[in-house]
Structure formats: structure tokens, C-alpha cells
Protein backbone atom coordinates (compact mmCIF):
# COMPACT_ATOMS: atom_id res chain seq x y z
CA UNK A 1 0.01 0.05 -0.03
CA UNK A 2 1.31 3.37 -0.96
CA UNK A 3 2.11 5.69 1.84
CA UNK A 4 -0.36 8.46 2.56
CA UNK A 5 0.88 11.92 1.58
CA UNK A 6 -0.10 13.02 5.05
CA UNK A 7 2.18 10.38 6.57
CA UNK A 8 4.67 12.27 8.89
CA UNK A 9 7.40 9.99 7.62
CA UNK A 10 6.93 11.43 4.12
CA UNK A 11 7.23 15.03 5.08
CA UNK A 12 10.50 16.82 4.89
CA UNK A 13 12.21 18.12 7.91
CA UNK A 14 11.20 21.73 8.72
CA UNK A 15 13.91 24.29 9.43
CA UNK A 16 12.63 25.84 12.67
CA UNK A 17 14.99 28.78 12.33
CA UNK A 18 13.31 29.90 9.14
CA UNK A 19 10.02 30.15 10.91
CA UNK A 20 11.32 32.55 13.47
CA UNK A 21 10.14 36.12 13.04
CA UNK A 22 12.76 38.59 12.00
CA UNK A 23 12.41 42.31 12.53
CA UNK A 24 14.65 42.90 9.56
CA UNK A 25 12.10 41.38 7.03
CA UNK A 26 9.97 44.01 5.08
CA UNK A 27 6.73 42.37 6.03
CA UNK A 28 7.56 42.35 9.73
CA UNK A 29 8.65 46.05 9.48
CA UNK A 30 5.52 46.99 7.75
CA UNK A 31 3.31 45.29 10.31
CA UNK A 32 5.19 47.06 13.21
CA UNK A 33 4.81 50.39 11.41
CA UNK A 34 1.10 49.93 10.73
CA UNK A 35 0.51 48.83 14.43
CA UNK A 36 2.39 51.88 15.70
CA UNK A 37 0.42 54.21 13.30
CA UNK A 38 -2.99 52.85 14.29
CA UNK A 39 -2.00 53.06 18.04
CA UNK A 40 -0.89 56.64 17.48
CA UNK A 41 -4.07 57.61 15.60
CA UNK A 42 -6.27 56.11 18.37
CA UNK A 43 -4.44 58.07 21.05
CA UNK A 44 -4.81 61.37 18.89
CA UNK A 45 -8.49 60.68 18.57
CA UNK A 46 -9.03 60.07 22.31
CA UNK A 47 -7.08 63.26 23.25
CA UNK A 48 -9.89 65.68 22.21
CA UNK A 49 -12.54 63.53 23.93
CA UNK A 50 -10.72 63.15 27.29
CA UNK A 51 -9.66 66.77 27.17
CA UNK A 52 -13.29 67.88 26.99
CA UNK A 53 -14.32 65.54 29.82
CA UNK A 54 -11.39 66.89 31.76
CA UNK A 55 -12.54 70.52 31.18
CA UNK A 56 -16.11 69.78 32.12
CA UNK A 57 -15.03 68.15 35.38
CA UNK A 58 -12.54 70.94 36.08
CA UNK A 59 -14.88 73.80 35.21
CA UNK A 60 -18.34 72.27 36.10
CA UNK A 61 -17.81 70.05 39.09
CA UNK A 62 -16.42 72.83 41.29
CA UNK A 63 -19.63 74.92 40.81
CA UNK A 64 -22.02 71.90 40.97
CA UNK A 65 -24.31 72.15 44.00
CA UNK A 66 -27.68 70.87 45.19
CA UNK A 67 -29.14 74.24 44.41
CA UNK A 68 -28.38 73.80 40.75
CA UNK A 69 -30.87 70.95 40.59
CA UNK A 70 -33.70 72.76 42.47
CA UNK A 71 -33.50 76.48 41.56
CA UNK A 72 -34.53 78.39 38.41
CA UNK A 73 -31.86 79.93 36.03
CA UNK A 74 -30.35 83.15 37.17
CA UNK A 75 -30.98 86.40 35.59
CA UNK A 76 -28.37 88.66 34.09
CA UNK A 77 -26.90 89.99 37.36
CA UNK A 78 -28.21 87.41 39.82
CA UNK A 79 -25.92 85.18 41.70
CA UNK A 80 -26.55 81.59 42.28
CA UNK A 81 -29.50 79.87 40.58
CA UNK A 82 -29.71 76.50 38.84
CA UNK A 83 -31.12 74.62 36.04
CA UNK A 84 -33.84 72.50 37.71
CA UNK A 85 -36.57 73.57 35.33
CA UNK A 86 -34.28 72.80 32.27
CA UNK A 87 -33.55 69.28 33.68
CA UNK A 88 -37.29 68.65 34.25
CA UNK A 89 -38.15 70.05 30.76
CA UNK A 90 -35.53 67.87 29.05
CA UNK A 91 -36.90 64.75 30.85
CA UNK A 92 -40.47 65.59 29.93
CA UNK A 93 -39.80 66.32 26.21
CA UNK A 94 -37.67 63.22 25.82
CA UNK A 95 -40.48 61.23 27.48
CA UNK A 96 -42.95 62.70 25.12
CA UNK A 97 -40.62 61.83 22.16
CA UNK A 98 -40.31 58.26 23.48
CA UNK A 99 -44.07 57.80 23.82
CA UNK A 100 -44.23 58.77 20.02
CA UNK A 101 -41.21 56.96 18.60
CA UNK A 102 -41.01 53.80 20.66
CA UNK A 103 -44.48 52.23 19.82
CA UNK A 104 -44.22 53.31 16.18
CA UNK A 105 -40.67 52.17 15.86
CA UNK A 106 -41.24 48.76 17.29
CA UNK A 107 -44.40 48.32 15.23
CA UNK A 108 -42.42 49.27 12.09
CA UNK A 109 -39.61 46.89 13.11
CA UNK A 110 -42.10 43.98 13.49
CA UNK A 111 -43.33 44.67 9.95
CA UNK A 112 -39.84 44.94 8.50
CA UNK A 113 -38.49 41.76 10.18
CA UNK A 114 -41.62 39.41 10.47
CA UNK A 115 -44.62 40.46 8.37
CA UNK A 116 -43.16 41.75 5.07
CA UNK A 117 -39.42 41.72 5.23
CA UNK A 118 -39.01 41.42 1.44
CA UNK A 119 -41.95 43.61 0.30
CA UNK A 120 -41.43 46.87 -1.66
CA UNK A 121 -42.98 48.85 1.21
CA UNK A 122 -40.44 47.26 3.53
CA UNK A 123 -37.55 48.28 1.28
CA UNK A 124 -38.77 51.81 1.06
CA UNK A 125 -39.46 52.18 4.72
CA UNK A 126 -36.01 50.69 5.56
CA UNK A 127 -34.21 53.08 3.08
CA UNK A 128 -36.19 56.04 4.49
CA UNK A 129 -35.25 55.13 8.08
CA UNK A 130 -31.48 54.85 7.11
CA UNK A 131 -31.72 58.19 5.39
CA UNK A 132 -33.54 59.65 8.44
CA UNK A 133 -30.87 58.36 10.79
CA UNK A 134 -28.44 60.83 9.29
CA UNK A 135 -31.00 63.58 9.02
CA UNK A 136 -29.71 66.98 10.19
CA UNK A 137 -31.40 67.75 13.58
CA UNK A 138 -32.18 71.41 12.62
CA UNK A 139 -34.29 70.24 9.75
CA UNK A 140 -36.37 68.18 12.14
CA UNK A 141 -36.86 71.47 14.06
CA UNK A 142 -37.82 73.40 11.00
CA UNK A 143 -40.29 70.69 9.96
CA UNK A 144 -41.89 70.60 13.40
CA UNK A 145 -41.93 74.39 13.56
CA UNK A 146 -44.11 74.49 10.41
CA UNK A 147 -46.19 71.42 11.27
CA UNK A 148 -46.84 72.03 14.99
CA UNK A 149 -45.73 75.38 16.30
CA UNK A 150 -47.40 77.40 13.55
CA UNK A 151 -50.55 75.25 13.73
CA UNK A 152 -50.84 75.43 17.53
CA UNK A 153 -49.89 79.06 17.57
CA UNK A 154 -46.85 78.86 20.01
CA UNK A 155 -43.82 77.05 21.35
CA UNK A 156 -44.59 74.09 23.60
CA UNK A 157 -43.21 70.99 25.19
CA UNK A 158 -45.31 68.96 22.80
CA UNK A 159 -43.58 70.51 19.70
CA UNK A 160 -40.17 69.80 21.20
CA UNK A 161 -41.16 66.23 21.85
CA UNK A 162 -42.31 65.81 18.27
CA UNK A 163 -39.22 67.16 16.88
CA UNK A 164 -37.17 64.83 19.13
CA UNK A 165 -39.32 61.77 18.19
CA UNK A 166 -38.32 62.39 14.56
CA UNK A 167 -34.71 61.82 15.56
CA UNK A 168 -35.39 58.92 17.80
CA UNK A 169 -37.68 56.97 15.41
CA UNK A 170 -35.00 55.60 12.91
CA UNK A 171 -32.66 54.49 15.75
CA UNK A 172 -35.51 52.62 17.51
CA UNK A 173 -36.83 51.18 14.32
CA UNK A 174 -33.53 49.85 12.87
CA UNK A 175 -32.27 48.55 16.24
CA UNK A 176 -35.48 46.73 17.01
CA UNK A 177 -35.56 45.20 13.54
CA UNK A 178 -32.07 43.82 14.00
CA UNK A 179 -32.88 42.56 17.43
CA UNK A 180 -36.05 40.76 16.22
CA UNK A 181 -34.15 39.23 13.38
CA UNK A 182 -31.54 37.91 15.85
CA UNK A 183 -34.21 35.73 17.57
CA UNK A 184 -33.29 32.04 16.81
CA UNK A 185 -35.62 30.67 14.19
CA UNK A 186 -35.94 27.32 16.03
CA UNK A 187 -37.72 29.11 18.93
CA UNK A 188 -40.38 30.51 16.53
CA UNK A 189 -40.73 27.11 14.93
CA UNK A 190 -41.09 25.44 18.27
CA UNK A 191 -43.79 27.89 19.32
CA UNK A 192 -45.67 27.37 16.00
CA UNK A 193 -45.31 23.56 16.31
CA UNK A 194 -46.94 23.64 19.69
CA UNK A 195 -50.09 25.24 18.18
CA UNK A 196 -49.36 28.93 18.75
CA UNK A 197 -50.49 31.43 16.18
CA UNK A 198 -48.19 33.94 14.52
CA UNK A 199 -49.48 36.68 16.76
CA UNK A 200 -48.94 34.56 19.89
CA UNK A 201 -45.46 33.62 18.81
CA UNK A 202 -44.59 37.23 18.23
CA UNK A 203 -46.05 38.36 21.50
CA UNK A 204 -44.85 35.69 23.82
CA UNK A 205 -41.67 34.39 22.11
CA UNK A 206 -40.15 36.94 19.73
CA UNK A 207 -40.62 40.23 21.41
CA UNK A 208 -39.58 39.00 25.05
CA UNK A 209 -36.38 37.40 23.54
CA UNK A 210 -35.53 40.48 21.59
CA UNK A 211 -36.43 42.88 24.44
CA UNK A 212 -32.72 43.54 25.42
CA UNK A 213 -31.89 44.64 21.93
CA UNK A 214 -34.89 46.77 21.64
CA UNK A 215 -34.23 48.48 24.96
CA UNK A 216 -30.66 49.12 23.72
CA UNK A 217 -32.11 51.02 20.75
CA UNK A 218 -34.38 52.94 23.01
CA UNK A 219 -31.52 54.01 25.32
CA UNK A 220 -29.31 55.05 22.41
CA UNK A 221 -32.12 57.11 20.84
CA UNK A 222 -32.80 58.77 24.29
CA UNK A 223 -29.16 59.53 24.63
CA UNK A 224 -29.14 61.20 21.14
CA UNK A 225 -32.35 63.18 21.81
CA UNK A 226 -31.22 64.38 25.22
CA UNK A 227 -28.28 66.40 23.70
CA UNK A 228 -30.03 68.01 20.85
CA UNK A 229 -30.24 71.81 20.69
CA UNK A 230 -31.27 72.84 17.22
CA UNK A 231 -34.66 71.22 17.10
CA UNK A 232 -35.67 72.73 20.49
CA UNK A 233 -34.65 76.28 19.38
CA UNK A 234 -37.51 76.01 16.80
CA UNK A 235 -40.15 74.29 18.84
CA UNK A 236 -39.70 74.61 22.59
CA UNK A 237 -37.45 77.62 22.84
CA UNK A 238 -36.78 78.42 26.54
CA UNK A 239 -38.49 79.44 29.82
CA UNK A 240 -37.28 80.80 33.12
CA UNK A 241 -40.31 78.98 34.88
CA UNK A 242 -41.19 75.60 36.01
CA UNK A 243 -43.47 73.36 34.08
CA UNK A 244 -45.87 73.14 36.98
CA UNK A 245 -47.35 76.52 38.11
CA UNK A 246 -48.57 77.58 41.50
CA UNK A 247 -51.86 75.78 41.00
CA UNK A 248 -50.06 72.49 40.35
CA UNK A 249 -51.12 72.50 36.65
CA UNK A 250 -48.83 71.11 34.13
CA UNK A 251 -48.10 73.76 31.45
CA UNK A 252 -46.96 71.78 28.32
CA UNK A 253 -48.47 74.19 25.91
CA UNK A 254 -46.03 76.93 26.84
CA UNK A 255 -42.35 77.44 26.07
CA UNK A 256 -40.26 74.91 27.86
CA UNK A 257 -36.69 75.02 29.21
CA UNK A 258 -34.10 72.37 28.23
CA UNK A 259 -30.58 71.56 29.20
CA UNK A 260 -29.22 71.97 25.77
CA UNK A 261 -30.76 75.27 25.14
CA UNK A 262 -29.71 76.58 28.56
CA UNK A 263 -26.25 75.61 27.70
CA UNK A 264 -26.40 77.35 24.36
CA UNK A 265 -27.81 80.60 25.96
CA UNK A 266 -25.48 80.84 28.93
CA UNK A 267 -22.24 79.85 27.16
CA UNK A 268 -22.56 83.10 25.11
CA UNK A 269 -23.35 85.25 28.16
CA UNK A 270 -20.94 87.90 29.48
CA UNK A 271 -21.89 87.11 33.10
CA UNK A 272 -19.52 84.73 34.91
CA UNK A 273 -22.29 83.21 36.91
CA UNK A 274 -24.16 82.17 33.81
CA UNK A 275 -21.03 80.77 32.12
CA UNK A 276 -20.29 78.68 35.24
CA UNK A 277 -23.92 77.47 35.13
CA UNK A 278 -23.39 76.43 31.49
CA UNK A 279 -20.34 74.32 32.54
CA UNK A 280 -22.14 72.64 35.32
CA UNK A 281 -25.16 71.95 33.08
CA UNK A 282 -22.86 70.57 30.44
CA UNK A 283 -21.30 68.16 33.07
CA UNK A 284 -24.64 66.91 34.10
CA UNK A 285 -25.78 66.48 30.52
CA UNK A 286 -22.78 64.58 29.48
CA UNK A 287 -22.90 62.38 32.52
CA UNK A 288 -26.65 61.63 31.84
CA UNK A 289 -25.87 60.79 28.22
CA UNK A 290 -22.84 58.65 29.27
CA UNK A 291 -24.99 56.66 31.88
CA UNK A 292 -27.74 56.07 29.29
CA UNK A 293 -25.21 54.74 26.78
CA UNK A 294 -23.78 52.43 29.48
CA UNK A 295 -27.16 51.16 30.23
CA UNK A 296 -27.89 50.51 26.54
CA UNK A 297 -24.64 48.76 26.30
CA UNK A 298 -25.18 46.51 29.21
CA UNK A 299 -28.68 45.59 28.00
CA UNK A 300 -27.24 44.59 24.59
CA UNK A 301 -25.23 41.78 26.26
CA UNK A 302 -28.38 39.99 27.07
CA UNK A 303 -29.65 40.11 23.61
CA UNK A 304 -30.44 36.87 21.62
CA UNK A 305 -27.88 34.96 19.72
CA UNK A 306 -28.42 32.78 16.77
């Protein structure tokens, strides 16, 4: 019987010294050069990020007090003050945007991934969502200004929420679609094999399994909306008052303060107190966005795997 070509006795002896890496070879030198270049570029990209974070802590943390979260913004020559109403206004408007974008985004994701993934409508919707994800935020504000502010006759928290929902919708939709697609097919087949309908499978199997991925998209969209300024300048503007008046009535139909607009207004002020307030508000906003992103990242780890 002829010896197998994979028989070790038929293999030539290998010169181990030829396999050792030599730094003098062009390929090794190129690899080292490219690795050092990538490392250097990464460090250069991180320097601006960490410098901004350092400046926020250096300028904002020293002036951050409990009063900042409970007081109204200071006037031109007033000392002290805070951004309590702006923080509440941001939470309220992001909440309104979430109430609009999350249900519609999830329903659209269900259609794109389960009901008609290959239909012409799905292709058009998916394309529009991807285009909308890179939509300039100021255009969302201009659109909402014409569609809501001019129709209702004034700036309001509702208009700000609508503008932010336009920016949140594509993030929720595309992330939820991907999360639903990642649900193992065998789980759906097992549910249908046990007699469940498509609606029951979707409600009791697909959506609960894809929930971590869906929540990740929601958190990412919230983080994006919380830091937007341009849409709110056209829709909610700003206010030096609380959303709840002395009669405990919620005034969502009036101009509403937000953290982003407060930072925009006070950063251009000639009063030192307002500039310091802008730094403190920037620190709070960045930390809020950072925490939201970390929550979204942690939720994504529990997502479904094929």
C-alpha cells in the first residue's frame, strides 16, 4: 500500500530557524509600522474626547451644588440659581418623544422583520429610516416648527417632543428590527409547532427574547435626543419658569426650558455666573448621556444570539 501523503514519515524536515520572526524582514517592519500608526491615531482621537471631559469636570464640578438641581436659572446679574426647570423640561420632552417614537418604531420593526421583510414597502421604509438616521437635527426642528408650532400658535413641550421623536424613530426602528431578526428561528418554529398562532409567537416568544436589543435602541435614541439643541430652538424655545405652576397645573403648551438650550444661551453670556452654570449643566448632561449609553450597552449583552 502506498504511503499516505499526510504520513509524517513522508514530510521533509522543517527548518525551525526559518519560521522565527525577523524584525529585519520587510513584512515584519510594515506590520510594526502599521500597528504603531494605528495606536498613534487612536491616542490622537482620544485626546480631544478626554480633554473635553477633563474640562467639564474641572470647570463644572467645582460649581455643581444641590441648588443647581432645585433652583431656576439666574437672571443677568443674579448670583446663584440653577437649571432645575431645564432638567425637568428635558426629561419631559424626551419622555414625550419616547411615547411617540418607541411604539411606532417597534411596530415598524415588526413589519420589516416578520410580516413583510422582502416587500417593496419594507424596502422603501428601511431606506427612508436609514436616510432619516443621518437627518440633520435642525431640519427636524424646522419641519416641526411648520407642522406643529405654526398650527398650534406657540412654542410648547409637545412641539419639542415631536421634533425629538423624529430623530429617535429611525434609531429605535433599525435597532429593534435587528434585534427581532436575531431571535433564533428554532424558537419560533417550536412555538408554532406547539399550536401557537403567529401573533402569539410574536407576543410571547419573539418580542420577549428581543427585548434587550430593543431596549438598547431605546436607550441610544434617548441619549441622542437628550443632547439636541437645534430642534428645540425652533419648537420649545426656553423658559425661566417651572412646568408646573402655582396651581399644580402642568403647562406643556407653553415654552419649555431644556438643558441643551440653557447651555447654548448661557455659554454666550458675558456674566460669569451664567457661564459657570453652563459648565455645570454641560457636565450633568454629558454624565446623563454617558450613563444612558452604558445602560444600553449593558442591555445589549443580554440580547439573543443565533
